[in-house]
Amino acid sequence: MTAPDEQPRWRGVNHLALITPDMDATVRFYHGVLGARLVATIGTPTFRHYFFEIGDGNTLAFFEYADAHLETFAKPAGVPDPRASQFDHLSLNVADADALDALRDRLLTHGCEVTEIVDHGFIRSIYFSDPAGIALEASYWVNDATARDLDATNRALFADYDPVPAVSEIVEGGRVKSWPRTTLTPDAAAVDPA
């Protein structure tokens, strides 16, 4: 086990959690257009949470909240905007349970509030924030969704029992059948057939 005063050994971004008003369009764009493989889904009555691989052990993840109307807008990179509601939290990847325990101890030693370890099934995590209030998470893969082929029957990884249509297309044919066009302003977006 690492001593609390040793520097953490980060392994990249476990997942960057963003918010989408349309999970189906998100799957079609990230998996279908960008080629970021869909590796895990979570579905509850109140939200969906889908993960797309962007590197070994690194994912982008999106929340879609049920019955929540979200105002969308285009925000250029690096330009402050008080409406920037797409970002939810950043999860940093650590090696294993010992590394997560050591980081939690380190945060507590430094006077930072941190949650107990949360078991999400395929990852385990702790939650904390930076001084500016940015929500942070540290996670390790218990069941590395990025280290295997797609298996939508694996309920440890694909736990949305009512997935968006794009997921069915991936499972049945290996790819999405259509995808959204994008513009620098959201008003002009439309879905293109494959």
N, C-alpha and C. Protein backbone atom coordinates (compact mmCIF):
# COMPACT_ATOMS: atom_id res chain seq x y z
N MET A 1 0.85 -1.18 0.00
CA MET A 1 0.00 0.00 0.00
C MET A 1 0.89 1.24 0.00
N THR A 2 0.46 2.25 -0.73
CA THR A 2 1.20 3.51 -0.82
C THR A 2 0.99 4.34 0.44
N ALA A 3 2.04 4.98 0.91
CA ALA A 3 1.93 5.86 2.07
C ALA A 3 1.15 7.12 1.67
N PRO A 4 0.37 7.70 2.61
CA PRO A 4 -0.45 8.88 2.29
C PRO A 4 0.36 10.08 1.78
N ASP A 5 1.66 10.14 2.08
CA ASP A 5 2.45 11.29 1.64
C ASP A 5 3.09 11.08 0.26
N GLU A 6 2.96 9.88 -0.32
CA GLU A 6 3.49 9.63 -1.65
C GLU A 6 2.54 10.21 -2.70
N GLN A 7 3.12 10.67 -3.81
CA GLN A 7 2.31 11.21 -4.90
C GLN A 7 1.49 10.09 -5.55
N PRO A 8 0.23 10.36 -5.91
CA PRO A 8 -0.57 9.35 -6.61
C PRO A 8 0.05 9.04 -7.97
N ARG A 9 -0.13 7.83 -8.44
CA ARG A 9 0.32 7.43 -9.78
C ARG A 9 -0.93 7.31 -10.66
N TRP A 10 -1.24 8.39 -11.34
CA TRP A 10 -2.43 8.42 -12.18
C TRP A 10 -2.23 7.58 -13.42
N ARG A 11 -3.30 7.00 -13.91
CA ARG A 11 -3.26 6.17 -15.12
C ARG A 11 -4.14 6.76 -16.22
N GLY A 12 -4.34 8.05 -16.22
CA GLY A 12 -5.17 8.70 -17.24
C GLY A 12 -6.53 9.07 -16.70
N VAL A 13 -7.45 9.28 -17.59
CA VAL A 13 -8.82 9.67 -17.24
C VAL A 13 -9.69 8.42 -17.30
N ASN A 14 -10.20 7.98 -16.17
CA ASN A 14 -11.11 6.84 -16.16
C ASN A 14 -12.33 7.20 -17.01
N HIS A 15 -12.96 8.30 -16.66
CA HIS A 15 -14.01 8.84 -17.52
C HIS A 15 -14.25 10.31 -17.24
N LEU A 16 -14.55 11.03 -18.29
CA LEU A 16 -15.02 12.41 -18.20
C LEU A 16 -16.52 12.32 -18.37
N ALA A 17 -17.27 12.72 -17.36
CA ALA A 17 -18.72 12.59 -17.39
C ALA A 17 -19.35 13.89 -17.87
N LEU A 18 -20.08 13.77 -18.95
CA LEU A 18 -20.77 14.91 -19.55
C LEU A 18 -22.27 14.64 -19.52
N ILE A 19 -23.05 15.62 -19.89
CA ILE A 19 -24.50 15.50 -19.88
C ILE A 19 -25.00 15.65 -21.31
N THR A 20 -25.94 14.80 -21.71
CA THR A 20 -26.55 14.89 -23.03
C THR A 20 -28.07 14.93 -22.89
N PRO A 21 -28.74 15.70 -23.74
CA PRO A 21 -30.21 15.65 -23.74
C PRO A 21 -30.74 14.52 -24.62
N ASP A 22 -29.86 13.84 -25.40
CA ASP A 22 -30.30 12.82 -26.34
C ASP A 22 -29.24 11.71 -26.43
N MET A 23 -29.42 10.64 -25.65
CA MET A 23 -28.43 9.58 -25.60
C MET A 23 -28.32 8.85 -26.94
N ASP A 24 -29.42 8.67 -27.64
CA ASP A 24 -29.37 7.98 -28.91
C ASP A 24 -28.47 8.75 -29.89
N ALA A 25 -28.65 10.05 -30.01
CA ALA A 25 -27.79 10.87 -30.89
C ALA A 25 -26.34 10.82 -30.41
N THR A 26 -26.14 10.77 -29.11
CA THR A 26 -24.78 10.70 -28.55
C THR A 26 -24.10 9.40 -28.94
N VAL A 27 -24.82 8.27 -28.83
CA VAL A 27 -24.25 6.98 -29.24
C VAL A 27 -23.92 7.01 -30.73
N ARG A 28 -24.83 7.54 -31.52
CA ARG A 28 -24.62 7.59 -32.97
C ARG A 28 -23.40 8.45 -33.32
N PHE A 29 -23.19 9.54 -32.60
CA PHE A 29 -22.06 10.42 -32.90
C PHE A 29 -20.75 9.84 -32.39
N TYR A 30 -20.68 9.50 -31.09
CA TYR A 30 -19.41 9.06 -30.51
C TYR A 30 -18.99 7.68 -31.01
N HIS A 31 -19.93 6.75 -31.10
CA HIS A 31 -19.59 5.42 -31.61
C HIS A 31 -19.57 5.42 -33.14
N GLY A 32 -20.63 5.96 -33.74
CA GLY A 32 -20.77 5.89 -35.19
C GLY A 32 -19.88 6.83 -35.97
N VAL A 33 -19.69 8.04 -35.48
CA VAL A 33 -18.90 9.03 -36.20
C VAL A 33 -17.45 9.04 -35.74
N LEU A 34 -17.23 9.16 -34.44
CA LEU A 34 -15.87 9.28 -33.93
C LEU A 34 -15.18 7.93 -33.73
N GLY A 35 -15.94 6.84 -33.75
CA GLY A 35 -15.34 5.53 -33.57
C GLY A 35 -14.93 5.23 -32.15
N ALA A 36 -15.49 5.95 -31.18
CA ALA A 36 -15.22 5.69 -29.76
C ALA A 36 -16.15 4.55 -29.34
N ARG A 37 -15.60 3.38 -29.15
CA ARG A 37 -16.37 2.16 -28.89
C ARG A 37 -17.22 2.29 -27.64
N LEU A 38 -18.52 1.97 -27.74
CA LEU A 38 -19.40 1.89 -26.59
C LEU A 38 -18.99 0.68 -25.77
N VAL A 39 -18.61 0.86 -24.49
CA VAL A 39 -18.10 -0.25 -23.70
C VAL A 39 -18.94 -0.59 -22.48
N ALA A 40 -19.83 0.31 -22.05
CA ALA A 40 -20.66 0.00 -20.88
C ALA A 40 -21.85 0.94 -20.84
N THR A 41 -22.95 0.46 -20.25
CA THR A 41 -24.14 1.28 -20.06
C THR A 41 -24.71 1.03 -18.67
N ILE A 42 -25.30 2.07 -18.10
CA ILE A 42 -26.07 1.96 -16.87
C ILE A 42 -27.42 2.60 -17.16
N GLY A 43 -28.50 1.95 -16.75
CA GLY A 43 -29.83 2.51 -16.94
C GLY A 43 -30.63 2.37 -15.67
N THR A 44 -31.21 3.46 -15.21
CA THR A 44 -32.09 3.45 -14.05
C THR A 44 -33.37 4.18 -14.44
N PRO A 45 -34.38 4.19 -13.60
CA PRO A 45 -35.58 4.96 -13.94
C PRO A 45 -35.32 6.46 -14.06
N THR A 46 -34.27 6.97 -13.44
CA THR A 46 -34.03 8.42 -13.46
C THR A 46 -32.91 8.87 -14.38
N PHE A 47 -32.03 7.97 -14.81
CA PHE A 47 -30.95 8.38 -15.71
C PHE A 47 -30.35 7.20 -16.46
N ARG A 48 -29.66 7.54 -17.55
CA ARG A 48 -28.78 6.61 -18.27
C ARG A 48 -27.37 7.14 -18.12
N HIS A 49 -26.38 6.23 -18.16
CA HIS A 49 -24.96 6.63 -18.06
C HIS A 49 -24.19 5.68 -18.97
N TYR A 50 -23.70 6.19 -20.13
CA TYR A 50 -23.03 5.36 -21.13
C TYR A 50 -21.56 5.76 -21.24
N PHE A 51 -20.70 4.75 -21.47
CA PHE A 51 -19.25 4.95 -21.51
C PHE A 51 -18.69 4.59 -22.89
N PHE A 52 -17.83 5.48 -23.43
CA PHE A 52 -17.20 5.28 -24.74
C PHE A 52 -15.69 5.28 -24.56
N GLU A 53 -15.02 4.24 -25.11
CA GLU A 53 -13.57 4.12 -24.97
C GLU A 53 -12.85 5.14 -25.85
N ILE A 54 -11.90 5.86 -25.25
CA ILE A 54 -11.07 6.82 -26.00
C ILE A 54 -9.59 6.49 -25.85
N GLY A 55 -9.27 5.40 -25.21
CA GLY A 55 -7.90 4.95 -25.02
C GLY A 55 -7.92 3.82 -24.01
N ASP A 56 -6.80 3.14 -23.84
CA ASP A 56 -6.74 2.03 -22.90
C ASP A 56 -7.16 2.48 -21.50
N GLY A 57 -8.27 1.96 -21.02
CA GLY A 57 -8.76 2.29 -19.69
C GLY A 57 -9.34 3.69 -19.55
N ASN A 58 -9.47 4.43 -20.64
CA ASN A 58 -9.95 5.82 -20.61
C ASN A 58 -11.25 5.93 -21.40
N THR A 59 -12.24 6.59 -20.81
CA THR A 59 -13.54 6.71 -21.46
C THR A 59 -14.13 8.10 -21.31
N LEU A 60 -15.03 8.43 -22.23
CA LEU A 60 -15.96 9.54 -22.09
C LEU A 60 -17.27 8.91 -21.65
N ALA A 61 -17.95 9.55 -20.74
CA ALA A 61 -19.23 9.02 -20.26
C ALA A 61 -20.27 10.12 -20.31
N PHE A 62 -21.49 9.75 -20.59
CA PHE A 62 -22.58 10.72 -20.69
C PHE A 62 -23.74 10.31 -19.81
N PHE A 63 -24.33 11.30 -19.15
CA PHE A 63 -25.58 11.12 -18.43
C PHE A 63 -26.71 11.65 -19.30
N GLU A 64 -27.84 10.94 -19.32
CA GLU A 64 -29.09 11.45 -19.86
C GLU A 64 -30.10 11.30 -18.74
N TYR A 65 -30.68 12.41 -18.30
CA TYR A 65 -31.61 12.39 -17.17
C TYR A 65 -33.04 12.30 -17.68
N ALA A 66 -33.82 11.40 -17.08
CA ALA A 66 -35.22 11.23 -17.46
C ALA A 66 -36.03 12.45 -17.02
N ASP A 67 -36.96 12.83 -17.85
CA ASP A 67 -37.89 13.92 -17.52
C ASP A 67 -37.20 15.22 -17.15
N ALA A 68 -36.02 15.47 -17.69
CA ALA A 68 -35.32 16.73 -17.41
C ALA A 68 -35.13 17.46 -18.74
N HIS A 69 -35.65 18.66 -18.81
CA HIS A 69 -35.45 19.47 -20.02
C HIS A 69 -34.17 20.27 -19.84
N LEU A 70 -33.23 20.06 -20.76
CA LEU A 70 -31.95 20.75 -20.69
C LEU A 70 -31.85 21.75 -21.82
N GLU A 71 -31.45 22.96 -21.50
CA GLU A 71 -31.18 23.96 -22.52
C GLU A 71 -29.81 23.66 -23.10
N THR A 72 -29.73 23.53 -24.42
CA THR A 72 -28.45 23.28 -25.05
C THR A 72 -27.96 24.54 -25.75
N PHE A 73 -26.67 24.64 -25.94
CA PHE A 73 -26.07 25.78 -26.62
C PHE A 73 -24.67 25.38 -27.07
N ALA A 74 -24.13 26.10 -28.01
CA ALA A 74 -22.76 25.85 -28.46
C ALA A 74 -21.83 26.74 -27.65
N LYS A 75 -20.85 26.15 -27.01
CA LYS A 75 -19.87 26.89 -26.24
C LYS A 75 -18.50 26.65 -26.84
N PRO A 76 -17.89 27.66 -27.42
CA PRO A 76 -16.55 27.45 -27.99
C PRO A 76 -15.55 27.08 -26.90
N ALA A 77 -14.59 26.25 -27.28
CA ALA A 77 -13.55 25.83 -26.33
C ALA A 77 -12.77 27.03 -25.84
N GLY A 78 -12.54 27.06 -24.55
CA GLY A 78 -11.70 28.10 -23.95
C GLY A 78 -12.39 29.44 -23.77
N VAL A 79 -13.68 29.53 -24.04
CA VAL A 79 -14.41 30.78 -23.87
C VAL A 79 -15.38 30.60 -22.71
N PRO A 80 -15.23 31.38 -21.64
CA PRO A 80 -16.13 31.22 -20.49
C PRO A 80 -17.59 31.48 -20.86
N ASP A 81 -18.46 30.68 -20.27
CA ASP A 81 -19.89 30.86 -20.50
C ASP A 81 -20.62 30.35 -19.26
N PRO A 82 -21.42 31.21 -18.61
CA PRO A 82 -22.11 30.78 -17.38
C PRO A 82 -23.13 29.68 -17.63
N ARG A 83 -23.47 29.41 -18.88
CA ARG A 83 -24.45 28.37 -19.19
C ARG A 83 -23.80 27.01 -19.40
N ALA A 84 -22.52 26.85 -19.15
CA ALA A 84 -21.79 25.62 -19.48
C ALA A 84 -22.27 24.45 -18.64
N SER A 85 -23.41 23.89 -19.04
CA SER A 85 -24.02 22.81 -18.26
C SER A 85 -23.67 21.42 -18.77
N GLN A 86 -22.84 21.29 -19.82
CA GLN A 86 -22.54 19.96 -20.34
C GLN A 86 -21.63 19.16 -19.43
N PHE A 87 -20.78 19.80 -18.67
CA PHE A 87 -19.81 19.10 -17.83
C PHE A 87 -20.44 18.64 -16.53
N ASP A 88 -20.17 17.41 -16.14
CA ASP A 88 -20.66 16.90 -14.86
C ASP A 88 -19.51 16.68 -13.90
N HIS A 89 -18.57 15.79 -14.22
CA HIS A 89 -17.40 15.57 -13.37
C HIS A 89 -16.29 14.90 -14.16
N LEU A 90 -15.09 14.93 -13.62
CA LEU A 90 -13.93 14.27 -14.21
C LEU A 90 -13.52 13.13 -13.29
N SER A 91 -13.41 11.93 -13.84
CA SER A 91 -12.94 10.78 -13.07
C SER A 91 -11.54 10.42 -13.54
N LEU A 92 -10.61 10.41 -12.61
CA LEU A 92 -9.23 10.05 -12.89
C LEU A 92 -9.02 8.58 -12.58
N ASN A 93 -8.26 7.92 -13.43
CA ASN A 93 -8.07 6.47 -13.32
C ASN A 93 -6.89 6.16 -12.41
N VAL A 94 -7.08 5.26 -11.45
CA VAL A 94 -5.99 4.74 -10.61
C VAL A 94 -5.86 3.25 -10.86
N ALA A 95 -4.75 2.66 -10.43
CA ALA A 95 -4.42 1.28 -10.79
C ALA A 95 -5.34 0.22 -10.17
N ASP A 96 -5.67 0.40 -8.89
CA ASP A 96 -6.35 -0.71 -8.20
C ASP A 96 -6.92 -0.23 -6.87
N ALA A 97 -7.45 -1.17 -6.09
CA ALA A 97 -8.07 -0.85 -4.80
C ALA A 97 -7.08 -0.21 -3.84
N ASP A 98 -5.85 -0.69 -3.82
CA ASP A 98 -4.84 -0.10 -2.92
C ASP A 98 -4.58 1.35 -3.28
N ALA A 99 -4.50 1.64 -4.58
CA ALA A 99 -4.25 3.02 -5.01
C ALA A 99 -5.42 3.93 -4.65
N LEU A 100 -6.65 3.40 -4.77
CA LEU A 100 -7.83 4.19 -4.41
C LEU A 100 -7.85 4.46 -2.91
N ASP A 101 -7.57 3.43 -2.11
CA ASP A 101 -7.49 3.60 -0.65
C ASP A 101 -6.43 4.63 -0.28
N ALA A 102 -5.27 4.55 -0.92
CA ALA A 102 -4.17 5.48 -0.62
C ALA A 102 -4.55 6.91 -0.97
N LEU A 103 -5.22 7.10 -2.10
CA LEU A 103 -5.64 8.44 -2.48
C LEU A 103 -6.68 8.97 -1.50
N ARG A 104 -7.61 8.13 -1.10
CA ARG A 104 -8.63 8.57 -0.13
C ARG A 104 -7.95 8.99 1.17
N ASP A 105 -7.00 8.19 1.65
CA ASP A 105 -6.25 8.54 2.87
C ASP A 105 -5.50 9.85 2.68
N ARG A 106 -4.90 10.03 1.52
CA ARG A 106 -4.15 11.26 1.23
C ARG A 106 -5.08 12.49 1.27
N LEU A 107 -6.25 12.37 0.66
CA LEU A 107 -7.20 13.49 0.67
C LEU A 107 -7.61 13.82 2.10
N LEU A 108 -7.93 12.81 2.88
CA LEU A 108 -8.33 13.03 4.27
C LEU A 108 -7.19 13.67 5.07
N THR A 109 -5.97 13.18 4.85
CA THR A 109 -4.79 13.72 5.55
C THR A 109 -4.60 15.20 5.23
N HIS A 110 -4.96 15.58 4.01
CA HIS A 110 -4.81 16.98 3.59
C HIS A 110 -6.06 17.82 3.87
N GLY A 111 -6.97 17.30 4.66
CA GLY A 111 -8.15 18.08 5.07
C GLY A 111 -9.22 18.22 4.02
N CYS A 112 -9.24 17.32 3.05
CA CYS A 112 -10.24 17.39 1.97
C CYS A 112 -11.39 16.42 2.26
N GLU A 113 -12.61 16.89 2.02
CA GLU A 113 -13.75 16.00 2.16
C GLU A 113 -13.74 15.00 1.01
N VAL A 114 -14.07 13.76 1.33
CA VAL A 114 -14.09 12.69 0.32
C VAL A 114 -15.11 11.66 0.76
N THR A 115 -15.76 11.04 -0.21
CA THR A 115 -16.77 10.03 0.09
C THR A 115 -16.10 8.71 0.50
N GLU A 116 -16.89 7.82 1.02
CA GLU A 116 -16.47 6.43 1.15
C GLU A 116 -16.33 5.86 -0.25
N ILE A 117 -15.75 4.69 -0.38
CA ILE A 117 -15.64 4.05 -1.68
C ILE A 117 -17.03 3.60 -2.13
N VAL A 118 -17.37 3.94 -3.37
CA VAL A 118 -18.66 3.60 -3.96
C VAL A 118 -18.44 2.49 -4.99
N ASP A 119 -19.19 1.41 -4.86
CA ASP A 119 -19.08 0.28 -5.77
C ASP A 119 -20.13 0.42 -6.87
N HIS A 120 -19.68 0.68 -8.10
CA HIS A 120 -20.58 0.81 -9.24
C HIS A 120 -20.67 -0.48 -10.04
N GLY A 121 -20.10 -1.55 -9.53
CA GLY A 121 -20.10 -2.81 -10.26
C GLY A 121 -18.81 -2.97 -11.05
N PHE A 122 -18.72 -2.31 -12.20
CA PHE A 122 -17.51 -2.46 -13.03
C PHE A 122 -16.41 -1.48 -12.66
N ILE A 123 -16.72 -0.43 -11.89
CA ILE A 123 -15.69 0.45 -11.33
C ILE A 123 -16.01 0.72 -9.87
N ARG A 124 -14.97 1.07 -9.12
CA ARG A 124 -15.13 1.54 -7.74
C ARG A 124 -14.52 2.92 -7.68
N SER A 125 -15.15 3.80 -6.90
CA SER A 125 -14.80 5.21 -6.96
C SER A 125 -14.88 5.90 -5.61
N ILE A 126 -14.19 7.04 -5.54
CA ILE A 126 -14.39 8.01 -4.47
C ILE A 126 -14.69 9.35 -5.15
N TYR A 127 -15.37 10.23 -4.43
CA TYR A 127 -15.75 11.54 -4.97
C TYR A 127 -15.25 12.63 -4.05
N PHE A 128 -14.78 13.71 -4.69
CA PHE A 128 -14.28 14.87 -3.96
C PHE A 128 -14.35 16.05 -4.91
N SER A 129 -13.87 17.20 -4.51
CA SER A 129 -13.90 18.36 -5.40
C SER A 129 -12.60 19.13 -5.29
N ASP A 130 -12.35 19.94 -6.32
CA ASP A 130 -11.17 20.80 -6.27
C ASP A 130 -11.55 22.11 -5.59
N PRO A 131 -10.59 23.01 -5.34
CA PRO A 131 -10.91 24.26 -4.63
C PRO A 131 -11.92 25.14 -5.34
N ALA A 132 -12.05 25.01 -6.67
CA ALA A 132 -13.02 25.81 -7.42
C ALA A 132 -14.39 25.15 -7.45
N GLY A 133 -14.53 23.99 -6.81
CA GLY A 133 -15.80 23.30 -6.78
C GLY A 133 -16.03 22.34 -7.93
N ILE A 134 -15.00 22.09 -8.74
CA ILE A 134 -15.15 21.14 -9.83
C ILE A 134 -15.25 19.74 -9.24
N ALA A 135 -16.30 19.04 -9.63
CA ALA A 135 -16.55 17.70 -9.11
C ALA A 135 -15.54 16.72 -9.70
N LEU A 136 -14.85 15.99 -8.82
CA LEU A 136 -13.84 15.01 -9.23
C LEU A 136 -14.17 13.64 -8.67
N GLU A 137 -13.69 12.64 -9.35
CA GLU A 137 -13.85 11.25 -8.95
C GLU A 137 -12.52 10.57 -9.24
N ALA A 138 -12.16 9.59 -8.45
CA ALA A 138 -11.04 8.71 -8.77
C ALA A 138 -11.62 7.30 -8.81
N SER A 139 -11.23 6.54 -9.84
CA SER A 139 -11.84 5.23 -10.07
C SER A 139 -10.78 4.23 -10.51
N TYR A 140 -11.09 2.96 -10.27
CA TYR A 140 -10.31 1.89 -10.90
C TYR A 140 -11.30 0.89 -11.48
N TRP A 141 -10.87 0.23 -12.54
CA TRP A 141 -11.70 -0.76 -13.21
C TRP A 141 -11.66 -2.08 -12.44
N VAL A 142 -12.78 -2.52 -11.93
CA VAL A 142 -12.91 -3.85 -11.34
C VAL A 142 -13.06 -4.85 -12.48
N ASN A 143 -13.83 -4.46 -13.47
CA ASN A 143 -14.11 -5.25 -14.67
C ASN A 143 -13.88 -4.29 -15.83
N ASP A 144 -12.66 -4.26 -16.37
CA ASP A 144 -12.26 -3.25 -17.35
C ASP A 144 -13.06 -3.39 -18.64
N ALA A 145 -13.99 -2.47 -18.82
CA ALA A 145 -14.86 -2.48 -19.99
C ALA A 145 -14.10 -2.21 -21.28
N THR A 146 -12.94 -1.59 -21.20
CA THR A 146 -12.18 -1.26 -22.41
C THR A 146 -11.27 -2.39 -22.85
N ALA A 147 -11.15 -3.45 -22.06
CA ALA A 147 -10.19 -4.53 -22.34
C ALA A 147 -10.86 -5.77 -22.94
N ARG A 148 -12.01 -5.61 -23.54
CA ARG A 148 -12.74 -6.77 -24.05
C ARG A 148 -13.58 -6.36 -25.25
N ASP A 149 -14.02 -7.34 -26.01
CA ASP A 149 -14.94 -7.10 -27.12
C ASP A 149 -16.32 -6.78 -26.57
N LEU A 150 -17.12 -6.14 -27.39
CA LEU A 150 -18.49 -5.82 -27.02
C LEU A 150 -19.27 -7.09 -26.71
N ASP A 151 -19.93 -7.12 -25.56
CA ASP A 151 -20.82 -8.21 -25.20
C ASP A 151 -22.00 -7.60 -24.45
N ALA A 152 -23.02 -7.21 -25.21
CA ALA A 152 -24.18 -6.55 -24.62
C ALA A 152 -24.99 -7.46 -23.71
N THR A 153 -24.69 -8.77 -23.71
CA THR A 153 -25.38 -9.69 -22.79
C THR A 153 -24.72 -9.68 -21.42
N ASN A 154 -23.55 -9.07 -21.30
CA ASN A 154 -22.84 -9.00 -20.03
C ASN A 154 -23.49 -7.91 -19.17
N ARG A 155 -24.38 -8.30 -18.28
CA ARG A 155 -25.16 -7.34 -17.49
C ARG A 155 -24.30 -6.61 -16.45
N ALA A 156 -23.09 -7.08 -16.21
CA ALA A 156 -22.19 -6.33 -15.34
C ALA A 156 -21.74 -5.04 -16.03
N LEU A 157 -21.69 -5.05 -17.36
CA LEU A 157 -21.27 -3.88 -18.12
C LEU A 157 -22.43 -3.20 -18.85
N PHE A 158 -23.38 -3.96 -19.34
CA PHE A 158 -24.51 -3.39 -20.06
C PHE A 158 -25.77 -3.57 -19.21
N ALA A 159 -25.99 -2.60 -18.35
CA ALA A 159 -27.05 -2.71 -17.34
C ALA A 159 -28.25 -1.84 -17.64
N ASP A 160 -28.31 -1.24 -18.84
CA ASP A 160 -29.50 -0.50 -19.23
C ASP A 160 -30.41 -1.50 -19.94
N TYR A 161 -31.50 -1.89 -19.27
CA TYR A 161 -32.39 -2.90 -19.82
C TYR A 161 -33.33 -2.33 -20.88
N ASP A 162 -33.31 -1.02 -21.06
CA ASP A 162 -34.11 -0.36 -22.10
C ASP A 162 -33.21 0.64 -22.83
N PRO A 163 -32.20 0.14 -23.55
CA PRO A 163 -31.22 1.04 -24.18
C PRO A 163 -31.82 1.81 -25.35
N VAL A 164 -31.15 2.89 -25.72
CA VAL A 164 -31.57 3.68 -26.87
C VAL A 164 -31.41 2.85 -28.14
N PRO A 165 -32.13 3.18 -29.22
CA PRO A 165 -32.08 2.38 -30.44
C PRO A 165 -30.68 2.18 -31.03
N ALA A 166 -29.80 3.15 -30.90
CA ALA A 166 -28.45 3.02 -31.46
C ALA A 166 -27.71 1.84 -30.86
N VAL A 167 -27.95 1.54 -29.60
CA VAL A 167 -27.28 0.40 -28.96
C VAL A 167 -27.73 -0.90 -29.63
N SER A 168 -29.01 -1.03 -29.90
CA SER A 168 -29.51 -2.23 -30.58
C SER A 168 -28.86 -2.38 -31.95
N GLU A 169 -28.68 -1.27 -32.66
CA GLU A 169 -28.03 -1.31 -33.97
C GLU A 169 -26.59 -1.80 -33.85
N ILE A 170 -25.87 -1.35 -32.83
CA ILE A 170 -24.49 -1.79 -32.62
C ILE A 170 -24.44 -3.28 -32.30
N VAL A 171 -25.34 -3.73 -31.42
CA VAL A 171 -25.37 -5.13 -31.03
C VAL A 171 -25.71 -6.02 -32.22
N GLU A 172 -26.70 -5.60 -33.02
CA GLU A 172 -27.16 -6.42 -34.13
C GLU A 172 -26.24 -6.36 -35.35
N GLY A 173 -25.67 -5.20 -35.65
CA GLY A 173 -24.90 -5.07 -36.88
C GLY A 173 -23.49 -4.55 -36.72
N GLY A 174 -23.09 -4.27 -35.49
CA GLY A 174 -21.72 -3.81 -35.27
C GLY A 174 -21.51 -2.33 -35.48
N ARG A 175 -22.56 -1.61 -35.88
CA ARG A 175 -22.42 -0.16 -36.09
C ARG A 175 -23.79 0.50 -36.05
N VAL A 176 -23.80 1.82 -35.93
CA VAL A 176 -25.06 2.56 -35.99
C VAL A 176 -25.45 2.75 -37.44
N LYS A 177 -26.75 2.87 -37.70
CA LYS A 177 -27.26 3.00 -39.07
C LYS A 177 -27.37 4.45 -39.52
N SER A 178 -27.39 5.39 -38.58
CA SER A 178 -27.46 6.80 -38.92
C SER A 178 -26.79 7.59 -37.81
N TRP A 179 -26.51 8.84 -38.08
CA TRP A 179 -25.79 9.67 -37.11
C TRP A 179 -26.18 11.12 -37.30
N PRO A 180 -26.00 11.94 -36.25
CA PRO A 180 -26.34 13.36 -36.37
C PRO A 180 -25.24 14.14 -37.09
N ARG A 181 -25.64 15.07 -37.94
CA ARG A 181 -24.69 16.04 -38.47
C ARG A 181 -24.47 17.07 -37.38
N THR A 182 -23.33 17.66 -37.33
CA THR A 182 -23.08 18.70 -36.34
C THR A 182 -22.65 19.98 -37.03
N THR A 183 -22.89 21.07 -36.35
CA THR A 183 -22.47 22.39 -36.80
C THR A 183 -21.87 23.11 -35.60
N LEU A 184 -21.37 24.30 -35.83
CA LEU A 184 -20.84 25.08 -34.71
C LEU A 184 -21.95 25.73 -33.91
N THR A 185 -23.19 25.68 -34.42
CA THR A 185 -24.36 26.13 -33.66
C THR A 185 -25.36 24.99 -33.66
N PRO A 186 -25.98 24.69 -32.53
CA PRO A 186 -26.84 23.50 -32.44
C PRO A 186 -28.11 23.58 -33.26
N ASP A 187 -28.56 24.76 -33.70
CA ASP A 187 -29.84 24.89 -34.42
C ASP A 187 -29.85 24.17 -35.76
N ALA A 188 -28.68 23.97 -36.39
CA ALA A 188 -28.62 23.39 -37.73
C ALA A 188 -28.40 21.87 -37.72
N ALA A 189 -28.33 21.23 -36.56
CA ALA A 189 -28.04 19.78 -36.49
C ALA A 189 -29.22 18.98 -37.01
N ALA A 190 -28.93 17.90 -37.70
CA ALA A 190 -29.97 16.99 -38.20
C ALA A 190 -29.39 15.60 -38.25
N VAL A 191 -30.24 14.60 -38.37
CA VAL A 191 -29.77 13.22 -38.45
C VAL A 191 -29.61 12.84 -39.91
N ASP A 192 -28.45 12.30 -40.26
CA ASP A 192 -28.17 11.81 -41.62
C ASP A 192 -28.31 10.30 -41.63
N PRO A 193 -28.92 9.75 -42.69
CA PRO A 193 -28.93 8.29 -42.82
C PRO A 193 -27.55 7.80 -43.20
N ALA A 194 -27.28 6.54 -42.90
CA ALA A 194 -25.96 5.95 -43.22
C ALA A 194 -25.80 5.81 -44.72
